[in-house]
Amino acid sequence: MKTGIQKFPQRGEETRDRLLEVGILLFGKLGFDGVSTRDIVRSAGITLPSIAHHFGSKEGLYEAVLEKIAEHMAANIAAAHTEAKSILGKRTASRKEKIKALEFLLYGHARAVLQNRPELVRLMIQEQTRPSKALTPITQVFEDQFMAPLVMLLADVLGMKPKSPEVRLQALFLVGRVLVFRVARHLSLNTMEWDDFTPVRIEKILEALRQDLHCILANSATKQRSLDRKLKPVRARTASTYKA
């Protein structure tokens, strides 16, 4: 009797997990409208009522699939997000520490994008073209745990305000430099004459991303020095006026 009680919830969890896995595969390949509930249960090897029992409907399963992807995203960037929050909350953090946290955050996201299963990325791309309420968990993770600290760190290092359009554009450009390898995966692989994104090749992409980041930081520093030189005579005249 005791054994039967223990096994039943385990089978229920296994069925739920199986439905989520099949949902990721089918929705990622065919989209929400291209998949029927019969397609799902046939691929999962279970009965039709299982969807209603665990998720209520196909829509409920789809929302659960995207929520699972959001949890996966959060787990992938958790360490980098924690480090970024720590540095942003540290008043004595040096510029070097901020840049290191910035790199860690960018690399964490980049690895998650490049190493993720293709169907996960396809699902997110599909939702970007036709967003639904199911996208909300992914949007919250992306904005709160990645983009917000990324913009804050970048603004801090550049000496600009986080709401500055220039800072937000630079942040999006850095993110886009990685996303292109997934959104245009076939074209990217053909251009690079690669057959896949191996760990070594991913490191090459990350190195290119690092160089782009440091170019942005160097250009900003150059502009600031140029501005300081232009303002120096003005500041000197102002100072002499006050002395007089």
Protein backbone atom coordinates (compact mmCIF):
# COMPACT_ATOMS: atom_id res chain seq x y z
CA MET A 1 0.00 0.00 0.00
CA LYS A 2 2.78 2.40 0.97
CA THR A 3 4.72 1.65 -2.20
CA GLY A 4 1.69 2.44 -4.38
CA ILE A 5 1.22 5.86 -2.78
CA GLN A 6 4.85 6.74 -3.39
CA LYS A 7 4.84 5.70 -7.02
CA PHE A 8 1.69 7.50 -8.13
CA PRO A 9 2.96 11.10 -7.71
CA GLN A 10 6.27 10.05 -9.25
CA ARG A 11 4.45 8.82 -12.38
CA GLY A 12 2.49 12.08 -12.41
CA GLU A 13 5.69 14.13 -12.30
CA GLU A 14 7.23 12.00 -15.02
CA THR A 15 4.18 12.52 -17.24
CA ARG A 16 4.28 16.27 -16.64
CA ASP A 17 8.00 16.45 -17.40
CA ARG A 18 7.47 14.36 -20.54
CA LEU A 19 4.74 16.71 -21.75
CA LEU A 20 7.00 19.71 -21.15
CA GLU A 21 9.86 18.10 -23.06
CA VAL A 22 7.65 17.15 -26.01
CA GLY A 23 6.11 20.63 -25.88
CA ILE A 24 9.55 22.22 -26.19
CA LEU A 25 10.42 20.01 -29.17
CA LEU A 26 7.14 20.38 -31.07
CA PHE A 27 6.38 24.03 -30.31
CA GLY A 28 9.99 24.89 -31.10
CA LYS A 29 9.79 23.11 -34.45
CA LEU A 30 6.22 23.89 -35.59
CA GLY A 31 5.05 26.80 -33.47
CA PHE A 32 1.96 26.92 -31.29
CA ASP A 33 -0.55 26.83 -34.16
CA GLY A 34 1.26 24.04 -35.96
CA VAL A 35 0.88 21.56 -33.11
CA SER A 36 -2.30 19.78 -32.01
CA THR A 37 -2.97 18.13 -28.68
CA ARG A 38 -3.05 14.78 -30.47
CA ASP A 39 0.42 15.46 -31.89
CA ILE A 40 1.65 16.13 -28.36
CA VAL A 41 0.20 13.02 -26.68
CA ARG A 42 1.24 10.84 -29.60
CA SER A 43 4.84 12.00 -29.32
CA ALA A 44 4.77 11.74 -25.52
CA GLY A 45 3.20 8.28 -25.60
CA ILE A 46 0.44 9.20 -23.17
CA THR A 47 -3.33 9.70 -23.23
CA LEU A 48 -5.14 12.88 -24.27
CA PRO A 49 -6.63 13.68 -20.82
CA SER A 50 -3.10 14.03 -19.43
CA ILE A 51 -2.75 17.51 -20.93
CA ALA A 52 -5.95 18.72 -19.28
CA HIS A 53 -4.98 17.07 -16.00
CA HIS A 54 -1.54 18.69 -15.76
CA PHE A 55 -1.94 21.96 -17.68
CA GLY A 56 -5.62 22.52 -18.33
CA SER A 57 -5.22 22.96 -22.09
CA LYS A 58 -2.72 23.27 -24.93
CA GLU A 59 -2.42 26.96 -24.07
CA GLY A 60 -1.61 26.02 -20.48
CA LEU A 61 1.10 23.62 -21.64
CA TYR A 62 2.57 26.29 -23.92
CA GLU A 63 2.72 28.79 -21.06
CA ALA A 64 4.36 26.17 -18.83
CA VAL A 65 6.94 25.45 -21.55
CA LEU A 66 7.93 29.13 -21.78
CA GLU A 67 8.01 29.40 -18.00
CA LYS A 68 10.40 26.43 -17.93
CA ILE A 69 12.60 28.19 -20.50
CA ALA A 70 12.57 31.33 -18.31
CA GLU A 71 13.71 29.24 -15.32
CA HIS A 72 16.46 27.76 -17.47
CA MET A 73 17.58 31.25 -18.54
CA ALA A 74 17.61 32.48 -14.95
CA ALA A 75 19.72 29.52 -13.83
CA ASN A 76 22.24 30.11 -16.65
CA ILE A 77 22.90 33.74 -15.68
CA ALA A 78 22.33 33.44 -11.92
CA ALA A 79 26.01 33.63 -10.95
CA ALA A 80 26.69 36.59 -13.26
CA HIS A 81 23.56 38.39 -12.07
CA THR A 82 24.55 37.93 -8.43
CA GLU A 83 28.04 39.28 -9.13
CA ALA A 84 26.65 42.27 -11.02
CA LYS A 85 24.27 43.14 -8.16
CA SER A 86 27.14 42.85 -5.69
CA ILE A 87 29.36 45.22 -7.65
CA LEU A 88 26.54 47.70 -8.28
CA GLY A 89 25.83 47.78 -4.55
CA LYS A 90 29.48 48.28 -3.65
CA ARG A 91 30.30 51.99 -3.36
CA THR A 92 34.04 51.36 -3.40
CA ALA A 93 33.97 49.11 -6.49
CA SER A 94 36.77 50.00 -8.88
CA ARG A 95 36.38 50.54 -12.62
CA LYS A 96 38.27 47.27 -13.16
CA GLU A 97 35.79 45.37 -10.97
CA LYS A 98 32.85 46.90 -12.83
CA ILE A 99 34.27 45.94 -16.21
CA LYS A 100 34.93 42.41 -14.97
CA ALA A 101 31.32 42.12 -13.75
CA LEU A 102 30.14 43.50 -17.10
CA GLU A 103 32.13 40.88 -18.98
CA PHE A 104 30.89 38.10 -16.69
CA LEU A 105 27.28 39.13 -17.33
CA LEU A 106 27.74 39.34 -21.10
CA TYR A 107 29.58 36.03 -21.25
CA GLY A 108 26.97 34.28 -19.11
CA HIS A 109 24.21 35.37 -21.46
CA ALA A 110 26.28 34.61 -24.56
CA ARG A 111 27.07 31.08 -23.44
CA ALA A 112 23.42 30.48 -22.58
CA VAL A 113 22.37 31.60 -26.05
CA LEU A 114 25.07 29.71 -27.95
CA GLN A 115 24.94 26.51 -25.91
CA ASN A 116 21.17 26.28 -25.55
CA ARG A 117 19.23 23.68 -27.48
CA PRO A 118 18.11 25.13 -30.86
CA GLU A 119 14.42 24.51 -30.14
CA LEU A 120 14.58 26.70 -27.03
CA VAL A 121 15.99 29.59 -29.04
CA ARG A 122 13.48 29.02 -31.87
CA LEU A 123 10.63 29.24 -29.39
CA MET A 124 11.89 32.55 -28.03
CA ILE A 125 12.36 33.93 -31.55
CA GLN A 126 8.82 32.85 -32.49
CA GLU A 127 7.45 34.65 -29.46
CA GLN A 128 9.37 37.81 -30.35
CA THR A 129 7.66 37.95 -33.75
CA ARG A 130 4.20 37.35 -32.28
CA PRO A 131 4.40 38.01 -28.54
CA SER A 132 1.74 36.55 -26.27
CA LYS A 133 1.22 36.60 -22.51
CA ALA A 134 3.22 33.36 -22.39
CA LEU A 135 6.35 35.42 -23.12
CA THR A 136 6.03 37.37 -19.84
CA PRO A 137 8.27 35.12 -17.66
CA ILE A 138 11.06 35.18 -20.27
CA THR A 139 10.77 38.96 -20.66
CA GLN A 140 10.95 39.45 -16.90
CA VAL A 141 14.07 37.30 -16.56
CA PHE A 142 15.75 38.96 -19.55
CA GLU A 143 14.98 42.51 -18.42
CA ASP A 144 15.36 42.16 -14.64
CA GLN A 145 18.25 39.73 -14.35
CA PHE A 146 20.23 40.61 -17.47
CA MET A 147 19.42 43.87 -19.25
CA ALA A 148 18.87 46.01 -16.14
CA PRO A 149 22.25 45.22 -14.50
CA LEU A 150 23.94 45.30 -17.92
CA VAL A 151 22.69 48.84 -18.60
CA MET A 152 23.53 49.97 -15.04
CA LEU A 153 27.09 48.64 -15.22
CA LEU A 154 27.68 49.98 -18.73
CA ALA A 155 26.35 53.41 -17.76
CA ASP A 156 28.53 53.45 -14.65
CA VAL A 157 31.69 52.54 -16.56
CA LEU A 158 30.91 55.03 -19.34
CA GLY A 159 30.09 57.76 -16.85
CA MET A 160 26.61 58.25 -18.27
CA LYS A 161 23.04 57.93 -17.03
CA PRO A 162 21.34 54.50 -17.33
CA LYS A 163 18.37 56.06 -19.13
CA SER A 164 20.66 57.53 -21.78
CA PRO A 165 19.63 56.28 -25.26
CA GLU A 166 23.32 55.89 -26.13
CA VAL A 167 23.92 53.52 -23.21
CA ARG A 168 20.84 51.43 -24.01
CA LEU A 169 21.76 51.26 -27.69
CA GLN A 170 25.28 50.12 -26.87
CA ALA A 171 23.87 47.46 -24.53
CA LEU A 172 21.51 46.18 -27.23
CA PHE A 173 24.29 46.19 -29.82
CA LEU A 174 26.43 44.01 -27.55
CA VAL A 175 23.54 41.58 -27.02
CA GLY A 176 22.76 41.55 -30.74
CA ARG A 177 26.36 40.60 -31.59
CA VAL A 178 25.66 37.24 -29.96
CA LEU A 179 22.01 36.74 -30.91
CA VAL A 180 22.85 36.91 -34.61
CA PHE A 181 24.65 33.58 -34.30
CA ARG A 182 21.39 31.97 -33.17
CA VAL A 183 18.81 33.95 -35.13
CA ALA A 184 20.83 33.51 -38.33
CA ARG A 185 22.46 30.25 -37.27
CA HIS A 186 22.71 28.66 -40.74
CA LEU A 187 24.09 31.83 -42.32
CA SER A 188 26.56 32.32 -39.46
CA LEU A 189 27.90 28.78 -39.69
CA ASN A 190 28.23 29.04 -43.48
CA THR A 191 30.03 32.37 -43.24
CA MET A 192 32.47 31.01 -40.67
CA GLU A 193 32.77 27.67 -42.52
CA TRP A 194 31.85 25.86 -39.31
CA ASP A 195 29.64 22.81 -38.90
CA ASP A 196 28.55 23.68 -35.35
CA PHE A 197 29.24 25.95 -32.39
CA THR A 198 31.82 23.92 -30.50
CA PRO A 199 33.21 25.08 -27.12
CA VAL A 200 36.40 26.35 -28.80
CA ARG A 201 34.41 28.33 -31.38
CA ILE A 202 32.14 29.77 -28.71
CA GLU A 203 35.25 31.05 -26.93
CA LYS A 204 36.30 32.77 -30.17
CA ILE A 205 32.92 34.50 -30.31
CA LEU A 206 33.27 35.57 -26.68
CA GLU A 207 36.73 36.99 -27.38
CA ALA A 208 35.30 39.03 -30.27
CA LEU A 209 32.56 40.24 -27.91
CA ARG A 210 35.18 41.23 -25.34
CA GLN A 211 37.06 43.22 -27.97
CA ASP A 212 33.85 45.00 -29.00
CA LEU A 213 33.09 45.90 -25.39
CA HIS A 214 36.57 47.30 -24.83
CA CYS A 215 36.37 49.30 -28.07
CA ILE A 216 33.15 50.90 -26.79
CA LEU A 217 34.82 51.71 -23.48
CA ALA A 218 37.97 53.04 -25.17
CA ASN A 219 35.98 55.24 -27.56
CA SER A 220 34.02 56.67 -24.65
CA ALA A 221 37.23 57.41 -22.75
CA THR A 222 38.70 59.13 -25.82
CA LYS A 223 35.60 61.30 -26.21
CA GLN A 224 35.74 62.24 -22.54
CA ARG A 225 39.41 63.25 -22.79
CA SER A 226 38.64 65.32 -25.88
CA LEU A 227 35.77 67.02 -24.09
CA ASP A 228 37.97 67.71 -21.06
CA ARG A 229 40.58 69.38 -23.30
CA LYS A 230 37.91 71.58 -24.88
CA LEU A 231 36.46 72.52 -21.51
CA LYS A 232 39.82 73.16 -19.84
CA PRO A 233 40.17 76.78 -21.07
CA VAL A 234 36.55 77.48 -20.14
CA ARG A 235 37.08 76.07 -16.66
CA ALA A 236 40.28 78.10 -16.29
CA ARG A 237 38.52 81.33 -17.28
CA THR A 238 35.67 80.56 -14.90
CA ALA A 239 38.11 79.89 -12.08
CA SER A 240 40.00 83.14 -12.69
CA THR A 241 36.72 85.09 -12.75
CA TYR A 242 35.75 83.68 -9.35
CA LYS A 243 39.20 84.57 -7.97
CA ALA A 244 38.88 88.11 -9.27
